[in-house]
Amino acid sequence: MEGPNRVESNLEQGSTYFGVQVFSYAELEEGTDNFDPSKELGDGGFGTVYNGVLSDGRVVAVKHLFENNLKRVEQFINEIKILAYIRHPNLVMLYGCTSRHSRELLLVHEYIPNGTVADHPHGRTAKSGLLTGPVRLRIAIETANALAYLHGKDIIQRDVKINNILLDNSFHGKVADFGLSRLFPNDVIHVSTAPQGTPGYVDPEQAVDTNRHHFDINLANMAISRIQNQALHELVDPSLAFETDFAMRTMITSVAELAFWCL
């Protein structure tokens, strides 16, 4: 019987895993300058993502899962199985991974240069004005198209939030992070589609902000209240000129109607 080191060695010699390329830990360690903190692209509840360069010159995003335990291995395999056979312009592509027997669990995705949607209205580029109203609407439509494609493949993402929607050079949206996704088996009539991410960060049912009034802590409740009381302007980013631009006001009102039906 082969030992773990022998298995890892075999898996890392140009083989594939669930149809994706297997990279050696050493190559990804070198490509990220030993996971240099200056190369961090972001982190979440499950791991840190680093910018890296493969030996063939491809620029990539390397997700380094925090723990190598049974639960993480399950999420690691789950994300590989989900992403190995799907292709859509609004889904982040998986290039490969390390072996599950590797000293660390690493996933290698295409590099998406403009960060997440959350970075722009709320984060480091909040005042740049790059996320105009029409661009935001297009990203929402692209995200919906990606989710519709997944549903057509019997895949439920279960962790959709603005932190998991990345933006490319042209500000087109790409849905990422499939560790918590579910394949819907053909022989069952129900599986849990409940949001599975960190409470307080899952849109919209669990999105909360304890700095708001206690009636408004839950974002969904706040939105319903404002729309019902014709106070939509209190929900809208001031940079979108809701009060002064008629076309923008019309578009946002239409989006709010759709949001209300969903909520």
C-alpha atoms as a PDB file:
ATOM      1  CA  MET A   1       0.000   0.000   0.000  1.00  0.00           C
ATOM      2  CA  GLU A   2       1.270   3.447  -0.868  1.00  0.00           C
ATOM      3  CA  GLY A   3       1.945   5.854   1.969  1.00  0.00           C
ATOM      4  CA  PRO A   4       0.617   9.469   1.996  1.00  0.00           C
ATOM      5  CA  ASN A   5       3.873  10.919   0.684  1.00  0.00           C
ATOM      6  CA  ARG A   6       3.906   8.492  -2.239  1.00  0.00           C
ATOM      7  CA  VAL A   7       0.243   9.230  -3.051  1.00  0.00           C
ATOM      8  CA  GLU A   8       0.899  12.976  -2.945  1.00  0.00           C
ATOM      9  CA  SER A   9       3.924  12.580  -5.188  1.00  0.00           C
ATOM     10  CA  ASN A  10       1.923  10.620  -7.754  1.00  0.00           C
ATOM     11  CA  LEU A  11      -0.976  13.071  -7.709  1.00  0.00           C
ATOM     12  CA  GLU A  12       1.313  16.041  -8.220  1.00  0.00           C
ATOM     13  CA  GLN A  13       3.025  14.638 -11.301  1.00  0.00           C
ATOM     14  CA  GLY A  14       0.881  16.303 -13.949  1.00  0.00           C
ATOM     15  CA  SER A  15      -2.272  14.368 -13.080  1.00  0.00           C
ATOM     16  CA  THR A  16      -5.823  15.617 -12.695  1.00  0.00           C
ATOM     17  CA  TYR A  17      -8.277  15.533  -9.813  1.00  0.00           C
ATOM     18  CA  PHE A  18     -11.995  15.496 -10.646  1.00  0.00           C
ATOM     19  CA  GLY A  19     -10.908  16.732 -14.067  1.00  0.00           C
ATOM     20  CA  VAL A  20      -8.752  19.700 -12.965  1.00  0.00           C
ATOM     21  CA  GLN A  21      -4.988  20.006 -12.892  1.00  0.00           C
ATOM     22  CA  VAL A  22      -3.142  19.067  -9.707  1.00  0.00           C
ATOM     23  CA  PHE A  23      -0.384  21.502  -8.713  1.00  0.00           C
ATOM     24  CA  SER A  24       2.398  20.793  -6.275  1.00  0.00           C
ATOM     25  CA  TYR A  25       2.415  22.725  -3.026  1.00  0.00           C
ATOM     26  CA  ALA A  26       5.980  23.814  -3.832  1.00  0.00           C
ATOM     27  CA  GLU A  27       4.963  25.467  -7.133  1.00  0.00           C
ATOM     28  CA  LEU A  28       2.155  27.439  -5.508  1.00  0.00           C
ATOM     29  CA  GLU A  29       4.331  28.374  -2.556  1.00  0.00           C
ATOM     30  CA  GLU A  30       6.948  29.727  -4.962  1.00  0.00           C
ATOM     31  CA  GLY A  31       4.341  31.453  -7.124  1.00  0.00           C
ATOM     32  CA  THR A  32       2.999  33.418  -4.141  1.00  0.00           C
ATOM     33  CA  ASP A  33       6.445  34.236  -2.704  1.00  0.00           C
ATOM     34  CA  ASN A  34       5.829  31.877   0.194  1.00  0.00           C
ATOM     35  CA  PHE A  35       2.310  33.278   0.678  1.00  0.00           C
ATOM     36  CA  ASP A  36       3.661  36.774   1.230  1.00  0.00           C
ATOM     37  CA  PRO A  37       1.118  38.940   3.120  1.00  0.00           C
ATOM     38  CA  SER A  38       1.665  41.705   0.553  1.00  0.00           C
ATOM     39  CA  LYS A  39       0.062  39.400  -2.042  1.00  0.00           C
ATOM     40  CA  GLU A  40      -3.145  38.891  -0.097  1.00  0.00           C
ATOM     41  CA  LEU A  41      -6.245  39.619  -2.174  1.00  0.00           C
ATOM     42  CA  GLY A  42      -8.702  38.993   0.635  1.00  0.00           C
ATOM     43  CA  ASP A  43      -9.842  36.526   3.235  1.00  0.00           C
ATOM     44  CA  GLY A  44     -13.069  35.044   4.488  1.00  0.00           C
ATOM     45  CA  GLY A  45     -14.393  32.443   6.864  1.00  0.00           C
ATOM     46  CA  PHE A  46     -12.591  29.587   5.133  1.00  0.00           C
ATOM     47  CA  GLY A  47      -9.260  30.878   3.912  1.00  0.00           C
ATOM     48  CA  THR A  48      -7.017  33.585   2.519  1.00  0.00           C
ATOM     49  CA  VAL A  49      -6.633  34.313  -1.188  1.00  0.00           C
ATOM     50  CA  TYR A  50      -3.234  35.279  -2.617  1.00  0.00           C
ATOM     51  CA  ASN A  51      -2.167  36.676  -5.958  1.00  0.00           C
ATOM     52  CA  GLY A  52       0.337  34.357  -7.632  1.00  0.00           C
ATOM     53  CA  VAL A  53       2.082  33.449 -10.884  1.00  0.00           C
ATOM     54  CA  LEU A  54       2.318  29.870 -12.137  1.00  0.00           C
ATOM     55  CA  SER A  55       5.433  28.419 -13.721  1.00  0.00           C
ATOM     56  CA  ASP A  56       3.768  28.806 -17.143  1.00  0.00           C
ATOM     57  CA  GLY A  57       3.272  32.539 -16.531  1.00  0.00           C
ATOM     58  CA  ARG A  58      -0.432  32.557 -15.756  1.00  0.00           C
ATOM     59  CA  VAL A  59      -1.512  35.068 -13.129  1.00  0.00           C
ATOM     60  CA  VAL A  60      -3.802  33.342 -10.652  1.00  0.00           C
ATOM     61  CA  ALA A  61      -5.607  33.644  -7.329  1.00  0.00           C
ATOM     62  CA  VAL A  62      -4.582  30.937  -4.858  1.00  0.00           C
ATOM     63  CA  LYS A  63      -7.061  30.155  -2.077  1.00  0.00           C
ATOM     64  CA  HIS A  64      -5.300  28.835   1.023  1.00  0.00           C
ATOM     65  CA  LEU A  65      -7.835  27.060   3.262  1.00  0.00           C
ATOM     66  CA  PHE A  66      -7.305  27.778   6.956  1.00  0.00           C
ATOM     67  CA  GLU A  67      -7.479  24.243   8.307  1.00  0.00           C
ATOM     68  CA  ASN A  68      -6.735  20.823   6.908  1.00  0.00           C
ATOM     69  CA  ASN A  69      -9.444  18.877   8.733  1.00  0.00           C
ATOM     70  CA  LEU A  70     -12.294  16.657   7.585  1.00  0.00           C
ATOM     71  CA  LYS A  71     -14.759  19.531   7.148  1.00  0.00           C
ATOM     72  CA  ARG A  72     -12.284  21.590   5.112  1.00  0.00           C
ATOM     73  CA  VAL A  73     -11.415  18.572   2.945  1.00  0.00           C
ATOM     74  CA  GLU A  74     -15.132  18.116   2.238  1.00  0.00           C
ATOM     75  CA  GLN A  75     -15.494  21.786   1.228  1.00  0.00           C
ATOM     76  CA  PHE A  76     -12.281  21.564  -0.812  1.00  0.00           C
ATOM     77  CA  ILE A  77     -13.533  18.531  -2.752  1.00  0.00           C
ATOM     78  CA  ASN A  78     -17.004  20.049  -3.059  1.00  0.00           C
ATOM     79  CA  GLU A  79     -15.696  23.226  -4.708  1.00  0.00           C
ATOM     80  CA  ILE A  80     -13.539  21.217  -7.121  1.00  0.00           C
ATOM     81  CA  LYS A  81     -16.417  18.920  -8.097  1.00  0.00           C
ATOM     82  CA  ILE A  82     -18.742  21.897  -8.619  1.00  0.00           C
ATOM     83  CA  LEU A  83     -16.326  23.977 -10.701  1.00  0.00           C
ATOM     84  CA  ALA A  84     -14.563  21.237 -12.671  1.00  0.00           C
ATOM     85  CA  TYR A  85     -17.257  20.851 -15.311  1.00  0.00           C
ATOM     86  CA  ILE A  86     -19.001  24.231 -15.478  1.00  0.00           C
ATOM     87  CA  ARG A  87     -18.106  27.119 -17.771  1.00  0.00           C
ATOM     88  CA  HIS A  88     -19.885  30.462 -17.827  1.00  0.00           C
ATOM     89  CA  PRO A  89     -18.575  33.991 -18.458  1.00  0.00           C
ATOM     90  CA  ASN A  90     -19.940  35.117 -15.100  1.00  0.00           C
ATOM     91  CA  LEU A  91     -18.432  32.309 -13.004  1.00  0.00           C
ATOM     92  CA  VAL A  92     -14.837  32.316 -11.777  1.00  0.00           C
ATOM     93  CA  MET A  93     -12.874  29.532 -13.463  1.00  0.00           C
ATOM     94  CA  LEU A  94     -11.011  26.926 -11.454  1.00  0.00           C
ATOM     95  CA  TYR A  95      -7.582  26.103 -12.919  1.00  0.00           C
ATOM     96  CA  GLY A  96      -6.603  23.427 -10.438  1.00  0.00           C
ATOM     97  CA  CYS A  97      -5.736  22.448  -6.886  1.00  0.00           C
ATOM     98  CA  THR A  98      -3.265  20.626  -4.714  1.00  0.00           C
ATOM     99  CA  SER A  99      -3.822  17.015  -3.808  1.00  0.00           C
ATOM    100  CA  ARG A 100      -6.125  16.536  -0.807  1.00  0.00           C
ATOM    101  CA  HIS A 101      -3.147  14.722   0.715  1.00  0.00           C
ATOM    102  CA  SER A 102      -0.988  17.839   0.391  1.00  0.00           C
ATOM    103  CA  ARG A 103       0.369  19.552   3.492  1.00  0.00           C
ATOM    104  CA  GLU A 104      -2.058  22.425   2.761  1.00  0.00           C
ATOM    105  CA  LEU A 105      -5.313  22.597   0.802  1.00  0.00           C
ATOM    106  CA  LEU A 106      -4.959  25.085  -2.055  1.00  0.00           C
ATOM    107  CA  LEU A 107      -7.325  26.005  -4.892  1.00  0.00           C
ATOM    108  CA  VAL A 108      -6.073  27.839  -7.988  1.00  0.00           C
ATOM    109  CA  HIS A 109      -8.563  30.174  -9.711  1.00  0.00           C
ATOM    110  CA  GLU A 110      -8.332  32.654 -12.529  1.00  0.00           C
ATOM    111  CA  TYR A 111      -7.234  36.062 -11.271  1.00  0.00           C
ATOM    112  CA  ILE A 112      -9.973  38.701 -11.345  1.00  0.00           C
ATOM    113  CA  PRO A 113      -8.295  42.128 -11.028  1.00  0.00           C
ATOM    114  CA  ASN A 114     -10.932  44.549  -9.729  1.00  0.00           C
ATOM    115  CA  GLY A 115     -11.727  42.977  -6.387  1.00  0.00           C
ATOM    116  CA  THR A 116     -15.233  42.275  -5.128  1.00  0.00           C
ATOM    117  CA  VAL A 117     -18.424  44.257  -5.488  1.00  0.00           C
ATOM    118  CA  ALA A 118     -18.152  44.949  -1.743  1.00  0.00           C
ATOM    119  CA  ASP A 119     -14.831  46.742  -2.255  1.00  0.00           C
ATOM    120  CA  HIS A 120     -16.474  49.478  -4.288  1.00  0.00           C
ATOM    121  CA  PRO A 121     -19.596  50.867  -2.579  1.00  0.00           C
ATOM    122  CA  HIS A 122     -18.276  50.044   0.905  1.00  0.00           C
ATOM    123  CA  GLY A 123     -14.539  49.504   0.736  1.00  0.00           C
ATOM    124  CA  ARG A 124     -11.239  50.784  -0.549  1.00  0.00           C
ATOM    125  CA  THR A 125     -12.627  52.398  -3.734  1.00  0.00           C
ATOM    126  CA  ALA A 126     -15.930  53.628  -2.318  1.00  0.00           C
ATOM    127  CA  LYS A 127     -15.497  57.209  -3.562  1.00  0.00           C
ATOM    128  CA  SER A 128     -14.099  56.398  -6.991  1.00  0.00           C
ATOM    129  CA  GLY A 129     -17.465  56.595  -8.772  1.00  0.00           C
ATOM    130  CA  LEU A 130     -16.602  53.526 -10.869  1.00  0.00           C
ATOM    131  CA  LEU A 131     -19.737  51.621  -9.892  1.00  0.00           C
ATOM    132  CA  THR A 132     -22.361  53.743 -11.600  1.00  0.00           C
ATOM    133  CA  GLY A 133     -26.031  52.816 -11.514  1.00  0.00           C
ATOM    134  CA  PRO A 134     -26.070  51.098 -14.940  1.00  0.00           C
ATOM    135  CA  VAL A 135     -22.893  49.156 -14.070  1.00  0.00           C
ATOM    136  CA  ARG A 136     -24.464  47.954 -10.800  1.00  0.00           C
ATOM    137  CA  LEU A 137     -27.599  46.841 -12.630  1.00  0.00           C
ATOM    138  CA  ARG A 138     -25.528  44.984 -15.230  1.00  0.00           C
ATOM    139  CA  ILE A 139     -23.586  43.191 -12.486  1.00  0.00           C
ATOM    140  CA  ALA A 140     -26.867  42.158 -10.852  1.00  0.00           C
ATOM    141  CA  ILE A 141     -28.138  40.782 -14.171  1.00  0.00           C
ATOM    142  CA  GLU A 142     -24.859  38.948 -14.815  1.00  0.00           C
ATOM    143  CA  THR A 143     -25.020  37.426 -11.344  1.00  0.00           C
ATOM    144  CA  ALA A 144     -28.604  36.305 -11.952  1.00  0.00           C
ATOM    145  CA  ASN A 145     -27.557  34.765 -15.278  1.00  0.00           C
ATOM    146  CA  ALA A 146     -24.755  32.852 -13.548  1.00  0.00           C
ATOM    147  CA  LEU A 147     -27.125  31.553 -10.861  1.00  0.00           C
ATOM    148  CA  ALA A 148     -29.711  30.559 -13.479  1.00  0.00           C
ATOM    149  CA  TYR A 149     -26.977  28.624 -15.305  1.00  0.00           C
ATOM    150  CA  LEU A 150     -26.007  26.868 -12.064  1.00  0.00           C
ATOM    151  CA  HIS A 151     -29.621  25.986 -11.307  1.00  0.00           C
ATOM    152  CA  GLY A 152     -29.849  24.499 -14.807  1.00  0.00           C
ATOM    153  CA  LYS A 153     -26.919  22.258 -13.803  1.00  0.00           C
ATOM    154  CA  ASP A 154     -28.690  21.322 -10.520  1.00  0.00           C
ATOM    155  CA  ILE A 155     -26.239  23.405  -8.469  1.00  0.00           C
ATOM    156  CA  ILE A 156     -27.328  25.721  -5.648  1.00  0.00           C
ATOM    157  CA  GLN A 157     -24.661  28.239  -4.613  1.00  0.00           C
ATOM    158  CA  ARG A 158     -26.001  29.030  -1.069  1.00  0.00           C
ATOM    159  CA  ASP A 159     -23.462  31.770  -0.311  1.00  0.00           C
ATOM    160  CA  VAL A 160     -24.335  34.609  -2.690  1.00  0.00           C
ATOM    161  CA  LYS A 161     -23.164  37.976  -1.380  1.00  0.00           C
ATOM    162  CA  ILE A 162     -21.299  40.975  -2.693  1.00  0.00           C
ATOM    163  CA  ASN A 163     -18.044  39.683  -1.148  1.00  0.00           C
ATOM    164  CA  ASN A 164     -18.343  36.658  -3.456  1.00  0.00           C
ATOM    165  CA  ILE A 165     -18.975  38.570  -6.686  1.00  0.00           C
ATOM    166  CA  LEU A 166     -15.691  39.571  -8.326  1.00  0.00           C
ATOM    167  CA  LEU A 167     -15.171  42.240 -10.987  1.00  0.00           C
ATOM    168  CA  ASP A 168     -12.936  41.937 -14.027  1.00  0.00           C
ATOM    169  CA  ASN A 169     -11.139  44.707 -15.920  1.00  0.00           C
ATOM    170  CA  SER A 170     -14.368  45.765 -17.619  1.00  0.00           C
ATOM    171  CA  PHE A 171     -16.398  45.565 -14.384  1.00  0.00           C
ATOM    172  CA  HIS A 172     -18.267  42.442 -15.427  1.00  0.00           C
ATOM    173  CA  GLY A 173     -19.356  40.308 -12.485  1.00  0.00           C
ATOM    174  CA  LYS A 174     -18.098  36.774 -11.769  1.00  0.00           C
ATOM    175  CA  VAL A 175     -19.554  34.649  -8.985  1.00  0.00           C
ATOM    176  CA  ALA A 176     -16.941  32.918  -6.814  1.00  0.00           C
ATOM    177  CA  ASP A 177     -16.605  30.676  -3.743  1.00  0.00           C
ATOM    178  CA  PHE A 178     -18.408  27.354  -4.111  1.00  0.00           C
ATOM    179  CA  GLY A 179     -17.255  25.544  -0.980  1.00  0.00           C
ATOM    180  CA  LEU A 180     -20.772  25.647   0.484  1.00  0.00           C
ATOM    181  CA  SER A 181     -22.661  24.874  -2.736  1.00  0.00           C
ATOM    182  CA  ARG A 182     -24.920  21.860  -3.151  1.00  0.00           C
ATOM    183  CA  LEU A 183     -25.522  19.517  -6.050  1.00  0.00           C
ATOM    184  CA  PHE A 184     -29.230  18.745  -6.261  1.00  0.00           C
ATOM    185  CA  PRO A 185     -29.537  14.937  -6.695  1.00  0.00           C
ATOM    186  CA  ASN A 186     -31.996  13.716  -9.327  1.00  0.00           C
ATOM    187  CA  ASP A 187     -33.647  11.220  -6.979  1.00  0.00           C
ATOM    188  CA  VAL A 188     -34.736  13.605  -4.213  1.00  0.00           C
ATOM    189  CA  ILE A 189     -37.456  16.230  -4.047  1.00  0.00           C
ATOM    190  CA  HIS A 190     -35.823  18.563  -1.507  1.00  0.00           C
ATOM    191  CA  VAL A 191     -32.392  19.680  -0.340  1.00  0.00           C
ATOM    192  CA  SER A 192     -31.541  22.575   1.938  1.00  0.00           C
ATOM    193  CA  THR A 193     -31.009  25.795   0.003  1.00  0.00           C
ATOM    194  CA  ALA A 194     -30.659  27.881   3.159  1.00  0.00           C
ATOM    195  CA  PRO A 195     -27.798  30.420   3.197  1.00  0.00           C
ATOM    196  CA  GLN A 196     -24.702  28.825   4.690  1.00  0.00           C
ATOM    197  CA  GLY A 197     -22.146  31.614   5.097  1.00  0.00           C
ATOM    198  CA  THR A 198     -21.071  33.599   8.144  1.00  0.00           C
ATOM    199  CA  PRO A 199     -24.131  35.185   9.865  1.00  0.00           C
ATOM    200  CA  GLY A 200     -24.086  38.921   9.306  1.00  0.00           C
ATOM    201  CA  TYR A 201     -22.582  38.605   5.846  1.00  0.00           C
ATOM    202  CA  VAL A 202     -25.153  36.612   3.897  1.00  0.00           C
ATOM    203  CA  ASP A 203     -27.457  38.635   1.642  1.00  0.00           C
ATOM    204  CA  PRO A 204     -30.256  39.361   2.202  1.00  0.00           C
ATOM    205  CA  GLU A 205     -31.871  37.125   4.836  1.00  0.00           C
ATOM    206  CA  GLN A 206     -29.000  37.186   7.341  1.00  0.00           C
ATOM    207  CA  ALA A 207     -27.401  40.528   6.480  1.00  0.00           C
ATOM    208  CA  VAL A 208     -27.377  42.516   9.726  1.00  0.00           C
ATOM    209  CA  ASP A 209     -25.855  45.693  11.108  1.00  0.00           C
ATOM    210  CA  THR A 210     -26.152  46.156  14.861  1.00  0.00           C
ATOM    211  CA  ASN A 211     -25.299  49.866  14.537  1.00  0.00           C
ATOM    212  CA  ARG A 212     -28.752  50.537  13.087  1.00  0.00           C
ATOM    213  CA  HIS A 213     -31.993  50.996  15.024  1.00  0.00           C
ATOM    214  CA  HIS A 214     -33.195  47.664  16.411  1.00  0.00           C
ATOM    215  CA  PHE A 215     -36.076  47.558  13.895  1.00  0.00           C
ATOM    216  CA  ASP A 216     -33.541  47.993  11.086  1.00  0.00           C
ATOM    217  CA  ILE A 217     -30.761  45.636  12.182  1.00  0.00           C
ATOM    218  CA  ASN A 218     -31.911  43.050   9.631  1.00  0.00           C
ATOM    219  CA  LEU A 219     -31.396  44.412   6.106  1.00  0.00           C
ATOM    220  CA  ALA A 220     -34.415  42.608   4.646  1.00  0.00           C
ATOM    221  CA  ASN A 221     -36.734  44.064   7.302  1.00  0.00           C
ATOM    222  CA  MET A 222     -35.252  47.521   6.796  1.00  0.00           C
ATOM    223  CA  ALA A 223     -35.788  47.343   3.031  1.00  0.00           C
ATOM    224  CA  ILE A 224     -39.405  46.201   3.363  1.00  0.00           C
ATOM    225  CA  SER A 225     -40.120  49.006   5.835  1.00  0.00           C
ATOM    226  CA  ARG A 226     -38.573  51.749   3.680  1.00  0.00           C
ATOM    227  CA  ILE A 227     -40.302  50.588   0.489  1.00  0.00           C
ATOM    228  CA  GLN A 228     -43.703  50.263   2.182  1.00  0.00           C
ATOM    229  CA  ASN A 229     -43.346  53.724   3.710  1.00  0.00           C
ATOM    230  CA  GLN A 230     -42.262  55.330   0.427  1.00  0.00           C
ATOM    231  CA  ALA A 231     -38.862  56.158   1.897  1.00  0.00           C
ATOM    232  CA  LEU A 232     -36.819  54.458  -0.816  1.00  0.00           C
ATOM    233  CA  HIS A 233     -34.294  57.296  -0.839  1.00  0.00           C
ATOM    234  CA  GLU A 234     -33.095  56.121   2.594  1.00  0.00           C
ATOM    235  CA  LEU A 235     -31.926  52.830   1.027  1.00  0.00           C
ATOM    236  CA  VAL A 236     -30.116  54.294  -1.969  1.00  0.00           C
ATOM    237  CA  ASP A 237     -26.422  55.135  -2.217  1.00  0.00           C
ATOM    238  CA  PRO A 238     -26.312  58.983  -2.328  1.00  0.00           C
ATOM    239  CA  SER A 239     -23.770  58.840  -5.160  1.00  0.00           C
ATOM    240  CA  LEU A 240     -26.458  57.501  -7.520  1.00  0.00           C
ATOM    241  CA  ALA A 241     -28.339  60.833  -7.692  1.00  0.00           C
ATOM    242  CA  PHE A 242     -31.682  59.206  -6.936  1.00  0.00           C
ATOM    243  CA  GLU A 243     -33.273  62.555  -6.051  1.00  0.00           C
ATOM    244  CA  THR A 244     -32.112  64.508  -9.103  1.00  0.00           C
ATOM    245  CA  ASP A 245     -31.745  62.100 -12.033  1.00  0.00           C
ATOM    246  CA  PHE A 246     -35.153  60.990 -13.347  1.00  0.00           C
ATOM    247  CA  ALA A 247     -33.798  58.049 -15.379  1.00  0.00           C
ATOM    248  CA  MET A 248     -31.812  56.813 -12.378  1.00  0.00           C
ATOM    249  CA  ARG A 249     -34.828  57.197 -10.105  1.00  0.00           C
ATOM    250  CA  THR A 250     -36.973  55.179 -12.520  1.00  0.00           C
ATOM    251  CA  MET A 251     -34.386  52.386 -12.741  1.00  0.00           C
ATOM    252  CA  ILE A 252     -33.848  52.185  -8.977  1.00  0.00           C
ATOM    253  CA  THR A 253     -37.606  52.181  -8.334  1.00  0.00           C
ATOM    254  CA  SER A 254     -38.011  49.247 -10.719  1.00  0.00           C
ATOM    255  CA  VAL A 255     -35.195  47.374  -8.979  1.00  0.00           C
ATOM    256  CA  ALA A 256     -36.805  48.115  -5.605  1.00  0.00           C
ATOM    257  CA  GLU A 257     -40.114  46.655  -6.813  1.00  0.00           C
ATOM    258  CA  LEU A 258     -38.351  43.452  -7.809  1.00  0.00           C
ATOM    259  CA  ALA A 259     -36.488  43.372  -4.474  1.00  0.00           C
ATOM    260  CA  PHE A 260     -39.772  43.821  -2.632  1.00  0.00           C
ATOM    261  CA  TRP A 261     -41.339  40.850  -4.425  1.00  0.00           C
ATOM    262  CA  CYS A 262     -38.314  38.745  -3.506  1.00  0.00           C
ATOM    263  CA  LEU A 263     -38.363  39.830   0.136  1.00  0.00           C
END
